[in-house]
Amino acid sequence: MKWETILYDKVGSVAKITLNRPDKRNAQNYRMIVELDQAMKEAEKDKEVRVIVLAGAGHSFSSGHDMSGMAPEGGMAGWRIGSEEHRDFEEKFFVGKCLYIRNLPKPTIAQVQGYCIAAGVMLASMCDLIVASEDALFSNMVGRMAASGTELLVEPWELGVRKAKEFLFTGDFIDAREAHRLGLVNRVVPREQLDEEVMGLANKIALMPPVALSYTKESLNRTQDIQGYTQSMFSHFNIHMLAHGSDETKAFIEGAISKGATGTKEFTELRDGKFKKT
């Protein structure tokens, strides 16, 4: 298959899927999410693949969703924010595709460098393990846009509730060492060693008996689900959609349009400008 926004490589028993929009810091647009879903399914079906690595080309893993390129084929003309059509799209496209990655039976490793923001954090957290370079920076700034987190609220599960509140209430970055201390990240290595470290870990895991490994993963995920993981994700999604219709969100969107904040630089300034003084 010809990919436009990702790279798919098979190295022995490891499938490496790379987000490939480096000029956009791998912001996830509609095409990328579709191709990523297809690539994950291809890797799952390939019996030679034992482990899947998810990486990002260039400076950063992923800067989140590309707000200018998220419309499905046919567009969103006539859709009201928070409408039934809008809700169905987001639930299938974001929640469904992310949870598929979390639940597929093969071990997955996120290889994270540079910025890992909002939907980037959400995506990396769907992987079983995260290995980060020393220059990795994690944040979720969507609260600054009057939104209630990303589609999946992974932070309390990854950081603990107390730290998740600080992370989401401020939108501040945490670095790789702090992410490791909190349990979001498994390993932190120098940038130049990141690929070698990840592939070494992937090849080691690939030596494990695959059926036993898939059962172990299923059991670990079920342990989380008994504690309410999947239910909490859908519960938060309801809140996420409700927030879309708030006066605050409408005001932010109208402000962005009125100020011409259509480019990344202008939009970032509108979102983060007042926080630079704190």
Protein backbone atom coordinates (compact mmCIF):
# COMPACT_ATOMS: atom_id res chain seq x y z
CA MET A 1 0.00 0.00 0.00
CA LYS A 2 1.18 3.53 -0.77
CA TRP A 3 1.29 5.66 2.37
CA GLU A 4 1.08 9.46 2.29
CA THR A 5 1.47 10.39 5.97
CA ILE A 6 3.23 7.43 7.56
CA LEU A 7 6.15 5.12 6.90
CA TYR A 8 5.81 1.37 7.37
CA ASP A 9 8.92 -0.74 7.76
CA LYS A 10 9.37 -4.32 8.82
CA VAL A 11 12.69 -5.16 10.46
CA GLY A 12 12.74 -8.87 11.22
CA SER A 13 9.83 -9.49 13.56
CA VAL A 14 9.30 -5.81 14.39
CA ALA A 15 6.94 -3.54 12.46
CA LYS A 16 7.93 0.12 12.74
CA ILE A 17 5.19 2.61 11.95
CA THR A 18 6.41 6.21 11.71
CA LEU A 19 4.21 9.30 11.66
CA ASN A 20 5.60 11.17 8.68
CA ARG A 21 4.59 14.82 8.66
CA PRO A 22 7.81 16.22 10.13
CA ASP A 23 7.20 19.72 8.75
CA LYS A 24 4.00 19.78 10.86
CA ARG A 25 5.66 18.14 13.88
CA ASN A 26 3.53 15.12 12.99
CA ALA A 27 0.23 16.83 13.72
CA GLN A 28 -2.41 14.18 13.16
CA ASN A 29 -4.78 15.03 10.32
CA TYR A 30 -7.63 12.91 9.00
CA ARG A 31 -5.44 11.08 6.47
CA MET A 32 -2.79 10.22 9.04
CA ILE A 33 -5.29 8.75 11.50
CA VAL A 34 -6.84 6.63 8.75
CA GLU A 35 -3.45 5.39 7.55
CA LEU A 36 -2.24 4.72 11.08
CA ASP A 37 -5.31 2.59 11.73
CA GLN A 38 -4.71 0.66 8.49
CA ALA A 39 -1.02 0.16 9.30
CA MET A 40 -1.76 -1.12 12.80
CA LYS A 41 -4.25 -3.62 11.37
CA GLU A 42 -1.73 -4.72 8.77
CA ALA A 43 0.88 -5.30 11.48
CA GLU A 44 -1.63 -7.18 13.61
CA LYS A 45 -2.54 -9.54 10.74
CA ASP A 46 1.09 -10.20 9.75
CA LYS A 47 2.08 -13.41 11.55
CA GLU A 48 5.76 -12.56 11.21
CA VAL A 49 5.33 -9.38 13.25
CA ARG A 50 5.78 -9.90 17.00
CA VAL A 51 6.15 -6.27 18.19
CA ILE A 52 4.95 -2.91 16.83
CA VAL A 53 6.92 0.32 17.29
CA LEU A 54 5.18 3.66 16.82
CA ALA A 55 7.56 6.58 16.11
CA GLY A 56 7.53 10.10 14.70
CA ALA A 57 9.77 11.45 11.95
CA GLY A 58 11.84 14.56 12.51
CA HIS A 59 11.99 16.77 15.57
CA SER A 60 8.90 15.58 17.42
CA PHE A 61 6.69 12.57 18.06
CA SER A 62 3.41 14.45 17.58
CA SER A 63 2.14 17.95 18.29
CA GLY A 64 -1.44 16.70 18.55
CA HIS A 65 -4.39 16.98 16.20
CA ASP A 66 -4.09 19.12 13.10
CA MET A 67 -7.10 21.36 13.61
CA SER A 68 -6.97 22.53 10.00
CA GLY A 69 -7.04 19.04 8.51
CA MET A 70 -9.44 16.95 10.56
CA ALA A 71 -12.51 16.98 8.30
CA PRO A 72 -13.56 13.55 6.97
CA GLU A 73 -14.03 12.94 3.28
CA GLY A 74 -17.06 14.94 2.27
CA GLY A 75 -16.29 17.53 4.95
CA MET A 76 -18.33 18.67 7.91
CA ALA A 77 -20.57 21.10 6.07
CA GLY A 78 -23.83 21.50 7.93
CA TRP A 79 -22.54 19.81 11.06
CA ARG A 80 -23.31 21.57 14.33
CA ILE A 81 -20.59 21.24 16.98
CA GLY A 82 -21.86 18.66 19.45
CA SER A 83 -24.48 17.34 17.02
CA GLU A 84 -25.25 13.65 16.64
CA GLU A 85 -23.15 13.50 13.45
CA HIS A 86 -20.25 15.22 15.15
CA ARG A 87 -20.44 12.96 18.19
CA ASP A 88 -20.63 9.76 16.10
CA PHE A 89 -17.64 10.83 14.05
CA GLU A 90 -15.45 11.63 17.07
CA GLU A 91 -16.43 8.46 18.94
CA LYS A 92 -15.61 6.17 16.02
CA PHE A 93 -12.65 8.11 14.68
CA PHE A 94 -10.80 9.04 17.86
CA VAL A 95 -12.07 6.84 20.70
CA GLY A 96 -12.53 3.69 18.63
CA LYS A 97 -9.25 3.90 16.73
CA CYS A 98 -7.22 4.73 19.84
CA LEU A 99 -8.70 1.93 21.92
CA TYR A 100 -8.05 -0.46 19.04
CA ILE A 101 -4.32 0.28 19.37
CA ARG A 102 -4.52 -0.21 23.14
CA ASN A 103 -6.28 -3.56 22.79
CA LEU A 104 -4.57 -5.18 19.80
CA PRO A 105 -2.91 -8.41 20.94
CA LYS A 106 0.70 -7.60 20.03
CA PRO A 107 3.03 -5.55 22.26
CA THR A 108 3.45 -1.93 21.19
CA ILE A 109 6.17 0.60 22.00
CA ALA A 110 5.93 4.37 21.52
CA GLN A 111 9.25 5.98 20.56
CA VAL A 112 8.94 9.59 21.70
CA GLN A 113 11.21 12.57 21.05
CA GLY A 114 10.63 16.29 21.08
CA TYR A 115 7.08 17.50 21.50
CA CYS A 116 4.35 15.08 22.56
CA ILE A 117 1.29 17.28 22.97
CA ALA A 118 -2.40 16.63 23.67
CA ALA A 119 -3.47 13.98 21.12
CA GLY A 120 0.21 13.02 20.93
CA VAL A 121 0.07 12.08 24.63
CA MET A 122 -3.23 10.29 24.03
CA LEU A 123 -1.74 8.29 21.15
CA ALA A 124 1.51 7.39 22.90
CA SER A 125 -0.48 6.26 25.95
CA MET A 126 -2.32 3.69 23.85
CA CYS A 127 1.00 1.84 23.49
CA ASP A 128 2.10 -0.69 26.09
CA LEU A 129 5.49 0.91 26.66
CA ILE A 130 6.93 4.39 26.08
CA VAL A 131 10.64 5.07 25.58
CA ALA A 132 11.52 8.75 25.45
CA SER A 133 14.59 10.76 24.53
CA GLU A 134 15.99 13.21 27.04
CA ASP A 135 14.60 16.14 25.04
CA ALA A 136 11.00 14.86 25.06
CA LEU A 137 8.38 17.27 26.38
CA PHE A 138 4.82 16.29 27.26
CA SER A 139 1.81 18.57 27.66
CA ASN A 140 -1.94 18.81 27.17
CA MET A 141 -2.90 22.41 26.41
CA VAL A 142 -6.47 21.90 25.22
CA GLY A 143 -7.85 23.40 28.44
CA ARG A 144 -6.44 26.70 27.22
CA MET A 145 -8.76 26.32 24.22
CA ALA A 146 -11.80 25.95 26.52
CA ALA A 147 -11.96 22.22 25.83
CA SER A 148 -12.26 19.46 28.41
CA GLY A 149 -9.20 17.36 27.70
CA THR A 150 -8.70 15.26 24.59
CA GLU A 151 -11.19 12.61 23.52
CA LEU A 152 -9.66 10.07 25.92
CA LEU A 153 -8.69 11.16 29.44
CA VAL A 154 -5.51 9.11 29.83
CA GLU A 155 -3.79 11.42 32.32
CA PRO A 156 -5.16 10.09 35.66
CA TRP A 157 -4.20 6.56 34.61
CA GLU A 158 -0.76 7.59 33.43
CA LEU A 159 0.20 10.27 35.97
CA GLY A 160 -2.08 9.72 38.97
CA VAL A 161 -5.04 11.96 39.71
CA ARG A 162 -3.21 14.65 41.69
CA LYS A 163 -0.53 15.23 39.05
CA ALA A 164 -3.08 14.85 36.23
CA LYS A 165 -5.01 17.79 37.68
CA GLU A 166 -1.91 19.99 37.67
CA PHE A 167 -0.99 18.82 34.15
CA LEU A 168 -4.45 19.61 32.75
CA PHE A 169 -5.22 22.68 34.88
CA THR A 170 -2.06 24.48 33.70
CA GLY A 171 -1.20 23.05 30.29
CA ASP A 172 2.45 23.20 31.33
CA PHE A 173 5.12 20.89 29.95
CA ILE A 174 6.74 18.08 31.89
CA ASP A 175 10.09 16.82 30.69
CA ALA A 176 11.15 13.24 30.06
CA ARG A 177 12.73 12.74 33.50
CA GLU A 178 9.59 13.91 35.29
CA ALA A 179 7.46 11.76 32.98
CA HIS A 180 9.63 8.80 33.92
CA ARG A 181 9.36 9.58 37.64
CA LEU A 182 5.58 9.72 37.37
CA GLY A 183 5.34 6.44 35.44
CA LEU A 184 4.25 7.79 32.06
CA VAL A 185 7.55 6.73 30.50
CA ASN A 186 9.41 3.43 30.89
CA ARG A 187 12.89 4.57 29.87
CA VAL A 188 14.71 7.82 29.08
CA VAL A 189 17.78 7.81 26.84
CA PRO A 190 19.91 10.33 24.92
CA ARG A 191 18.32 11.37 21.63
CA GLU A 192 21.05 9.74 19.55
CA GLN A 193 20.43 6.40 21.29
CA LEU A 194 16.62 6.43 21.09
CA ASP A 195 16.16 4.31 17.99
CA GLU A 196 18.77 1.76 19.09
CA GLU A 197 17.22 1.51 22.57
CA VAL A 198 13.70 1.04 21.22
CA MET A 199 14.67 -1.55 18.61
CA GLY A 200 16.76 -3.42 21.17
CA LEU A 201 13.78 -3.56 23.54
CA ALA A 202 11.42 -4.55 20.72
CA ASN A 203 13.70 -7.37 19.55
CA LYS A 204 14.05 -8.65 23.11
CA ILE A 205 10.28 -8.74 23.57
CA ALA A 206 9.93 -10.41 20.16
CA LEU A 207 11.82 -13.43 21.54
CA MET A 208 9.01 -14.11 24.01
CA PRO A 209 6.37 -16.76 23.15
CA PRO A 210 3.79 -14.67 21.25
CA VAL A 211 0.61 -16.39 22.42
CA ALA A 212 1.60 -16.23 26.08
CA LEU A 213 2.55 -12.59 25.60
CA SER A 214 -0.82 -11.74 24.04
CA TYR A 215 -2.62 -13.44 26.93
CA THR A 216 -0.51 -11.51 29.42
CA LYS A 217 -1.35 -8.23 27.69
CA GLU A 218 -5.04 -9.11 27.64
CA SER A 219 -4.98 -9.91 31.34
CA LEU A 220 -3.17 -6.69 32.21
CA ASN A 221 -5.66 -4.65 30.16
CA ARG A 222 -8.53 -6.46 31.83
CA THR A 223 -7.05 -5.59 35.22
CA GLN A 224 -7.27 -1.94 34.22
CA ASP A 225 -10.77 -2.45 32.87
CA ILE A 226 -11.93 -4.02 36.14
CA GLN A 227 -10.75 -0.77 37.73
CA GLY A 228 -12.87 1.12 35.20
CA TYR A 229 -10.40 2.14 32.48
CA THR A 230 -12.60 1.75 29.39
CA GLN A 231 -15.75 2.93 31.17
CA SER A 232 -13.91 6.03 32.33
CA MET A 233 -12.79 6.76 28.77
CA PHE A 234 -16.35 6.72 27.45
CA SER A 235 -17.58 8.67 30.46
CA HIS A 236 -15.01 11.37 29.79
CA PHE A 237 -15.87 11.40 26.10
CA ASN A 238 -19.40 12.46 27.06
CA ILE A 239 -17.92 15.39 29.02
CA HIS A 240 -15.57 16.18 26.15
CA MET A 241 -18.50 16.46 23.74
CA LEU A 242 -20.56 18.47 26.22
CA ALA A 243 -17.72 20.99 26.53
CA HIS A 244 -17.75 21.49 22.76
CA GLY A 245 -21.05 23.30 23.11
CA SER A 246 -20.04 25.64 25.94
CA ASP A 247 -20.06 29.40 25.57
CA GLU A 248 -16.32 29.40 26.36
CA THR A 249 -15.51 27.06 23.49
CA LYS A 250 -17.68 29.04 21.09
CA ALA A 251 -15.96 32.25 22.21
CA PHE A 252 -12.51 30.76 21.65
CA ILE A 253 -13.43 29.55 18.15
CA GLU A 254 -15.02 32.89 17.25
CA GLY A 255 -11.96 34.69 18.62
CA ALA A 256 -9.64 32.56 16.53
CA ILE A 257 -11.67 33.28 13.40
CA SER A 258 -11.99 37.01 14.07
CA LYS A 259 -8.24 37.36 14.75
CA GLY A 260 -7.34 35.34 11.69
CA ALA A 261 -5.61 32.66 13.75
CA THR A 262 -5.65 30.11 10.96
CA GLY A 263 -1.93 29.33 10.88
CA THR A 264 -0.05 27.36 13.50
CA LYS A 265 1.93 30.36 14.76
CA GLU A 266 -1.13 32.61 15.13
CA PHE A 267 -3.21 29.87 16.71
CA THR A 268 -0.45 29.02 19.21
CA GLU A 269 -0.13 32.67 20.18
CA LEU A 270 -3.88 32.94 20.77
CA ARG A 271 -3.85 29.77 22.90
CA ASP A 272 -0.67 30.33 24.88
CA GLY A 273 0.11 34.06 24.67
CA LYS A 274 -1.18 35.13 28.07
CA PHE A 275 0.51 32.19 29.80
CA LYS A 276 3.97 33.36 28.77
CA LYS A 277 3.82 35.98 31.51
CA THR A 278 3.24 33.46 34.30
